[in-house]
Amino acid sequence: MKISLKVFLVVALFMFTFGVLSENTIEASGSVVVYTPVSEDVITTLIPMFEEQTGIRVELITAGTGELVRRLQTEQHNPYADVMFGASPATLVPVTDLFAEYVSPNDEYMLDNAKNEDGIFTPWTADGSVILVNTDLLDELGIEINGYADLLQPELKGRIMHGDPAASSSAYYQVTNMLLAMGDGEDYFNEDAWDYVEKLIQNLDGKVASGSGVVHRSVADGEYVVGLTWEDPAASWVRDGAPVKIVYPEEGVVFMNSTIAKVKGGPNPENAQKFIDFIISEEAQSALGTQLTNRPLRAGIELGDHMFPMEEMNLLYESQEKSMENREAVAQKYIDILIQY
């Protein structure tokens, strides 16, 4: 009995000591809980960089934006998350009360259209509506594509892939980009703009993708000449050597920012701020522009060959709030035209 008791005490002392050391180790480095819908490429590139640089352990909860927002709402009186990483302002502004005020010291280095203007949401990347073209197929047709107007060429009938704007965000934003670019730059219901959209739908010849991923993949695989998609996935095909190129519509292209925000009442507020600081740091933003296909928003960042400088584009402005307010009406009008053809 004495031996057993002695062994028990030694084991108990060891477990207590190990527990204290482990707890102190965690406290020394700290942790941060990040809710995010961002791609695996972003996660596997940026998270290890942050952990190595700061010694802070990142716990990731990955899901769609809507699911994560609902979780934040459920947990708002006892938050589990520290940071919401990656979502459009239009999605997060309606639930602003879930987030704490914080402006990173690195905010001063961001582009003018990528500043934290409300003291809560920090833009970190932007994605634009682009035209992805299969260069081999385009050469066979002997035509050029420089913008939206060129998509009406008869040689492209049935050879353009676009998604369903009622189901796909990228497809919807492509439509609003067209409406602004081919209209007056402001009104989603401009008559000239919708006249263009109707002609484009005729040239689609009834071909509509079931999901956004099908669009860029079908162009890269040579099934279609043209795909209407986001810059991010399009640039990944360019980077990886597929026979494709990105066309930024000469009539104008819209870029939508994605943001990062500190969760109000999160358990690790200081580490949340460090995480936000890192995401818009020179190191992280450089990784976006050279290793990944997410467009950096920090000024002076070098871009890889697969990324085109924004200064050389015809940029249009679109209010994300306005686009969301009109989403149902715009998508329905598009579908009403589509079913006629």
Foldseek 3Di string as FASTA:
>chain_A
DVVVVVVVVVVVVVVVVVVVVVVVLCVVQDEFEEEEQDDPVLCVPQQVVLCVVRVYHYHYDYDDPVVVVVVLVVCQVPDAHFKYFWDFCLSCVVVVVQFDFAAAPLQVQFDPVQHPPPRWWGFWFKKKKWKKFQQVVCVVLVDDDQALVVLLDLSQQLQEEAAQLVPAVFRVRLLQFQCLLQAVNADNVGPRSVVSLLSNLRSNVLHHDHYQVCQLVCRLVPVHGMGTGMQFVSLVSVVVPGSMAIHQHQSAMEMTTITMGTGPPHPCNVVSSVSRNSSLDLVNLLCCFAVGRTHGRGPPHDHHPSDDDPVPHRHGYDDPNVSVVCSVVSSVVSVVSNVVD
